[in-house]
C-alpha atoms as a PDB file:
ATOM      1  CA  UNK A   1      92.634 -52.028 -45.749  1.00  0.00           C
ATOM      2  CA  UNK A   2      91.765 -53.535 -42.689  1.00  0.00           C
ATOM      3  CA  UNK A   3      88.508 -53.488 -41.951  1.00  0.00           C
ATOM      4  CA  UNK A   4      87.228 -53.588 -38.293  1.00  0.00           C
ATOM      5  CA  UNK A   5      85.783 -57.668 -37.361  1.00  0.00           C
ATOM      6  CA  UNK A   6      82.564 -57.473 -35.366  1.00  0.00           C
ATOM      7  CA  UNK A   7      82.214 -60.122 -33.529  1.00  0.00           C
ATOM      8  CA  UNK A   8      78.064 -61.120 -33.802  1.00  0.00           C
ATOM      9  CA  UNK A   9      77.369 -62.668 -30.834  1.00  0.00           C
ATOM     10  CA  UNK A  10      73.729 -62.453 -29.712  1.00  0.00           C
ATOM     11  CA  UNK A  11      72.945 -60.425 -26.578  1.00  0.00           C
ATOM     12  CA  UNK A  12      70.285 -61.308 -24.292  1.00  0.00           C
ATOM     13  CA  UNK A  13      68.683 -59.602 -22.673  1.00  0.00           C
ATOM     14  CA  UNK A  14      67.968 -60.495 -19.480  1.00  0.00           C
ATOM     15  CA  UNK A  15      64.010 -60.280 -18.802  1.00  0.00           C
ATOM     16  CA  UNK A  16      61.924 -58.909 -22.227  1.00  0.00           C
ATOM     17  CA  UNK A  17      59.163 -58.254 -20.189  1.00  0.00           C
ATOM     18  CA  UNK A  18      61.159 -56.321 -18.365  1.00  0.00           C
ATOM     19  CA  UNK A  19      62.402 -54.361 -21.106  1.00  0.00           C
ATOM     20  CA  UNK A  20      59.747 -53.718 -22.924  1.00  0.00           C
ATOM     21  CA  UNK A  21      57.859 -52.119 -19.667  1.00  0.00           C
ATOM     22  CA  UNK A  22      60.922 -49.833 -19.163  1.00  0.00           C
ATOM     23  CA  UNK A  23      60.754 -48.378 -23.154  1.00  0.00           C
ATOM     24  CA  UNK A  24      56.291 -47.462 -21.950  1.00  0.00           C
ATOM     25  CA  UNK A  25      57.398 -45.690 -18.928  1.00  0.00           C
ATOM     26  CA  UNK A  26      60.145 -44.058 -21.170  1.00  0.00           C
ATOM     27  CA  UNK A  27      57.508 -42.893 -23.657  1.00  0.00           C
ATOM     28  CA  UNK A  28      54.767 -41.972 -21.201  1.00  0.00           C
ATOM     29  CA  UNK A  29      57.542 -40.242 -19.551  1.00  0.00           C
ATOM     30  CA  UNK A  30      58.690 -38.200 -22.687  1.00  0.00           C
ATOM     31  CA  UNK A  31      55.021 -37.330 -23.603  1.00  0.00           C
ATOM     32  CA  UNK A  32      54.036 -35.954 -20.005  1.00  0.00           C
ATOM     33  CA  UNK A  33      57.303 -34.035 -20.285  1.00  0.00           C
ATOM     34  CA  UNK A  34      56.320 -32.377 -23.549  1.00  0.00           C
ATOM     35  CA  UNK A  35      52.787 -31.661 -22.890  1.00  0.00           C
ATOM     36  CA  UNK A  36      53.922 -29.878 -18.775  1.00  0.00           C
ATOM     37  CA  UNK A  37      54.187 -26.271 -20.156  1.00  0.00           C
ATOM     38  CA  UNK A  38      51.362 -26.277 -21.551  1.00  0.00           C
ATOM     39  CA  UNK A  39      49.493 -28.048 -18.626  1.00  0.00           C
ATOM     40  CA  UNK A  40      50.914 -25.798 -15.974  1.00  0.00           C
ATOM     41  CA  UNK A  41      49.766 -22.797 -18.235  1.00  0.00           C
ATOM     42  CA  UNK A  42      46.163 -24.149 -18.622  1.00  0.00           C
ATOM     43  CA  UNK A  43      46.400 -24.990 -14.676  1.00  0.00           C
ATOM     44  CA  UNK A  44      47.525 -21.719 -14.003  1.00  0.00           C
ATOM     45  CA  UNK A  45      44.887 -19.744 -16.688  1.00  0.00           C
ATOM     46  CA  UNK A  46      42.359 -21.694 -15.131  1.00  0.00           C
ATOM     47  CA  UNK A  47      42.936 -20.354 -11.588  1.00  0.00           C
ATOM     48  CA  UNK A  48      43.183 -16.945 -12.386  1.00  0.00           C
ATOM     49  CA  UNK A  49      39.602 -17.253 -14.563  1.00  0.00           C
ATOM     50  CA  UNK A  50      37.926 -19.274 -11.583  1.00  0.00           C
ATOM     51  CA  UNK A  51      39.005 -16.062  -8.967  1.00  0.00           C
ATOM     52  CA  UNK A  52      37.427 -13.949 -11.582  1.00  0.00           C
ATOM     53  CA  UNK A  53      34.564 -15.506 -12.162  1.00  0.00           C
ATOM     54  CA  UNK A  54      34.173 -15.477  -8.470  1.00  0.00           C
ATOM     55  CA  UNK A  55      34.962 -12.668  -8.249  1.00  0.00           C
ATOM     56  CA  UNK A  56      32.388 -11.429 -10.904  1.00  0.00           C
ATOM     57  CA  UNK A  57      29.425 -13.320  -9.094  1.00  0.00           C
ATOM     58  CA  UNK A  58      30.242 -12.141  -5.295  1.00  0.00           C
ATOM     59  CA  UNK A  59      30.121  -8.505  -7.216  1.00  0.00           C
ATOM     60  CA  UNK A  60      27.121  -9.280  -8.608  1.00  0.00           C
ATOM     61  CA  UNK A  61      25.533 -10.964  -5.918  1.00  0.00           C
ATOM     62  CA  UNK A  62      26.518  -7.897  -3.318  1.00  0.00           C
ATOM     63  CA  UNK A  63      24.404  -5.762  -6.319  1.00  0.00           C
ATOM     64  CA  UNK A  64      21.648  -7.198  -5.548  1.00  0.00           C
ATOM     65  CA  UNK A  65      21.657  -7.099  -2.413  1.00  0.00           C
ATOM     66  CA  UNK A  66      21.813  -3.778  -1.800  1.00  0.00           C
ATOM     67  CA  UNK A  67      18.974  -3.009  -4.251  1.00  0.00           C
ATOM     68  CA  UNK A  68      16.914  -5.213  -2.605  1.00  0.00           C
ATOM     69  CA  UNK A  69      17.907  -4.382   0.357  1.00  0.00           C
ATOM     70  CA  UNK A  70      17.457  -0.405  -0.202  1.00  0.00           C
ATOM     71  CA  UNK A  71      13.375  -1.865  -1.750  1.00  0.00           C
ATOM     72  CA  UNK A  72      13.228  -2.917   1.251  1.00  0.00           C
ATOM     73  CA  UNK A  73      13.920   0.530   3.553  1.00  0.00           C
ATOM     74  CA  UNK A  74      11.681   2.544   0.480  1.00  0.00           C
ATOM     75  CA  UNK A  75       8.969  -0.103   1.589  1.00  0.00           C
ATOM     76  CA  UNK A  76       9.717   0.345   5.067  1.00  0.00           C
ATOM     77  CA  UNK A  77       9.503   4.449   5.104  1.00  0.00           C
ATOM     78  CA  UNK A  78       5.966   3.177   3.240  1.00  0.00           C
ATOM     79  CA  UNK A  79       4.442   1.979   5.902  1.00  0.00           C
ATOM     80  CA  UNK A  80       5.660   3.812   8.535  1.00  0.00           C
ATOM     81  CA  UNK A  81       4.104   7.100   6.689  1.00  0.00           C
ATOM     82  CA  UNK A  82       1.096   5.170   5.917  1.00  0.00           C
ATOM     83  CA  UNK A  83       0.996   3.598   9.646  1.00  0.00           C
ATOM     84  CA  UNK A  84       0.773   7.986  10.726  1.00  0.00           C
ATOM     85  CA  UNK A  85      -1.437   8.067   8.594  1.00  0.00           C
ATOM     86  CA  UNK A  86      -3.817   5.521   9.845  1.00  0.00           C
ATOM     87  CA  UNK A  87      -3.301   6.217  13.855  1.00  0.00           C
ATOM     88  CA  UNK A  88      -4.232  10.061  12.697  1.00  0.00           C
ATOM     89  CA  UNK A  89      -7.188   9.018  11.157  1.00  0.00           C
ATOM     90  CA  UNK A  90      -8.012   6.741  13.997  1.00  0.00           C
ATOM     91  CA  UNK A  91      -7.586   8.966  16.938  1.00  0.00           C
ATOM     92  CA  UNK A  92      -9.798  11.539  15.064  1.00  0.00           C
ATOM     93  CA  UNK A  93     -12.495   8.904  14.534  1.00  0.00           C
ATOM     94  CA  UNK A  94     -12.344   7.670  18.907  1.00  0.00           C
ATOM     95  CA  UNK A  95     -12.473  11.646  19.479  1.00  0.00           C
ATOM     96  CA  UNK A  96     -15.365  12.424  22.441  1.00  0.00           C
ATOM     97  CA  UNK A  97     -16.182  15.196  20.714  1.00  0.00           C
ATOM     98  CA  UNK A  98     -16.754  13.516  17.149  1.00  0.00           C
ATOM     99  CA  UNK A  99     -18.604  10.617  19.095  1.00  0.00           C
ATOM    100  CA  UNK A 100     -21.048  12.958  20.801  1.00  0.00           C
ATOM    101  CA  UNK A 101     -21.871  14.609  17.975  1.00  0.00           C
ATOM    102  CA  UNK A 102     -22.937  11.674  15.891  1.00  0.00           C
ATOM    103  CA  UNK A 103     -25.211  10.128  18.980  1.00  0.00           C
ATOM    104  CA  UNK A 104     -27.043  13.629  19.427  1.00  0.00           C
ATOM    105  CA  UNK A 105     -27.764  13.343  15.734  1.00  0.00           C
ATOM    106  CA  UNK A 106     -28.984  10.026  15.841  1.00  0.00           C
ATOM    107  CA  UNK A 107     -31.349  11.140  19.068  1.00  0.00           C
ATOM    108  CA  UNK A 108     -29.231   8.933  21.583  1.00  0.00           C
ATOM    109  CA  UNK A 109     -28.928  10.673  24.936  1.00  0.00           C
ATOM    110  CA  UNK A 110     -27.251   9.391  28.486  1.00  0.00           C
ATOM    111  CA  UNK A 111     -29.764   6.366  30.115  1.00  0.00           C
ATOM    112  CA  UNK A 112     -31.357   8.004  33.260  1.00  0.00           C
ATOM    113  CA  UNK A 113     -30.753   4.897  35.140  1.00  0.00           C
ATOM    114  CA  UNK A 114     -27.870   2.599  35.000  1.00  0.00           C
ATOM    115  CA  UNK A 115     -28.206  -1.243  35.228  1.00  0.00           C
ATOM    116  CA  UNK A 116     -25.662  -3.830  36.370  1.00  0.00           C
ATOM    117  CA  UNK A 117     -26.083  -8.073  34.781  1.00  0.00           C
ATOM    118  CA  UNK A 118     -23.811 -10.027  35.408  1.00  0.00           C
ATOM    119  CA  UNK A 119     -24.387 -13.262  34.128  1.00  0.00           C
ATOM    120  CA  UNK A 120     -22.896 -16.398  35.712  1.00  0.00           C
ATOM    121  CA  UNK A 121     -19.883 -18.067  33.975  1.00  0.00           C
ATOM    122  CA  UNK A 122     -21.254 -22.465  32.404  1.00  0.00           C
ATOM    123  CA  UNK A 123     -20.040 -24.841  33.663  1.00  0.00           C
ATOM    124  CA  UNK A 124     -18.519 -26.936  31.367  1.00  0.00           C
ATOM    125  CA  UNK A 125     -18.144 -30.334  31.499  1.00  0.00           C
ATOM    126  CA  UNK A 126     -15.116 -32.727  31.842  1.00  0.00           C
ATOM    127  CA  UNK A 127     -14.544 -34.963  28.983  1.00  0.00           C
ATOM    128  CA  UNK A 128     -13.105 -38.420  29.839  1.00  0.00           C
ATOM    129  CA  UNK A 129     -10.553 -40.025  28.351  1.00  0.00           C
ATOM    130  CA  UNK A 130     -10.651 -43.514  27.035  1.00  0.00           C
ATOM    131  CA  UNK A 131      -6.879 -44.218  27.486  1.00  0.00           C
ATOM    132  CA  UNK A 132      -5.832 -42.387  31.037  1.00  0.00           C
ATOM    133  CA  UNK A 133      -1.993 -43.549  30.480  1.00  0.00           C
ATOM    134  CA  UNK A 134      -1.709 -40.764  27.721  1.00  0.00           C
ATOM    135  CA  UNK A 135      -3.307 -38.033  30.106  1.00  0.00           C
ATOM    136  CA  UNK A 136      -1.395 -38.566  32.421  1.00  0.00           C
ATOM    137  CA  UNK A 137       1.820 -38.671  29.747  1.00  0.00           C
ATOM    138  CA  UNK A 138       0.681 -35.144  28.487  1.00  0.00           C
ATOM    139  CA  UNK A 139       1.461 -33.938  32.036  1.00  0.00           C
ATOM    140  CA  UNK A 140       4.722 -33.766  31.372  1.00  0.00           C
ATOM    141  CA  UNK A 141       4.870 -31.098  27.684  1.00  0.00           C
ATOM    142  CA  UNK A 142       2.514 -28.831  29.434  1.00  0.00           C
ATOM    143  CA  UNK A 143       3.850 -25.422  29.657  1.00  0.00           C
ATOM    144  CA  UNK A 144       4.806 -24.423  33.182  1.00  0.00           C
ATOM    145  CA  UNK A 145       2.807 -21.806  33.449  1.00  0.00           C
ATOM    146  CA  UNK A 146      -0.375 -23.998  33.377  1.00  0.00           C
ATOM    147  CA  UNK A 147       1.203 -26.040  35.913  1.00  0.00           C
ATOM    148  CA  UNK A 148       1.156 -23.805  38.582  1.00  0.00           C
ATOM    149  CA  UNK A 149      -2.486 -22.996  38.099  1.00  0.00           C
END
């Protein structure tokens, strides 16, 4: 039998670094491709879980707020009721009939003569500031109502 003859000639690669880099890139690409399906699945599950958790958080927040609103409304109604009760008590205590009966019990009578005394308002000396520049600047910051007087 005849054997095929092989010529052992050395195949010289152009640049061994380039070949090594190409091999490493191929290995990395194959590794990424192997886990691409798992990565996509986990990414989708994470996105769905994130949306569900956001929904749960928003729903619980809404529930808490609705309880707070209901409590505030109940508190408001209680305060309005108490205000009405206190207003009735104030009007009863201020009634002229009640005050006249109380005055008669204490022995108070209407005065025979009315005297009106006028008290003059005291004059207050204005203190002079040591920095007139600062007081003149204060006019810029005074309200418009105060400037008209």
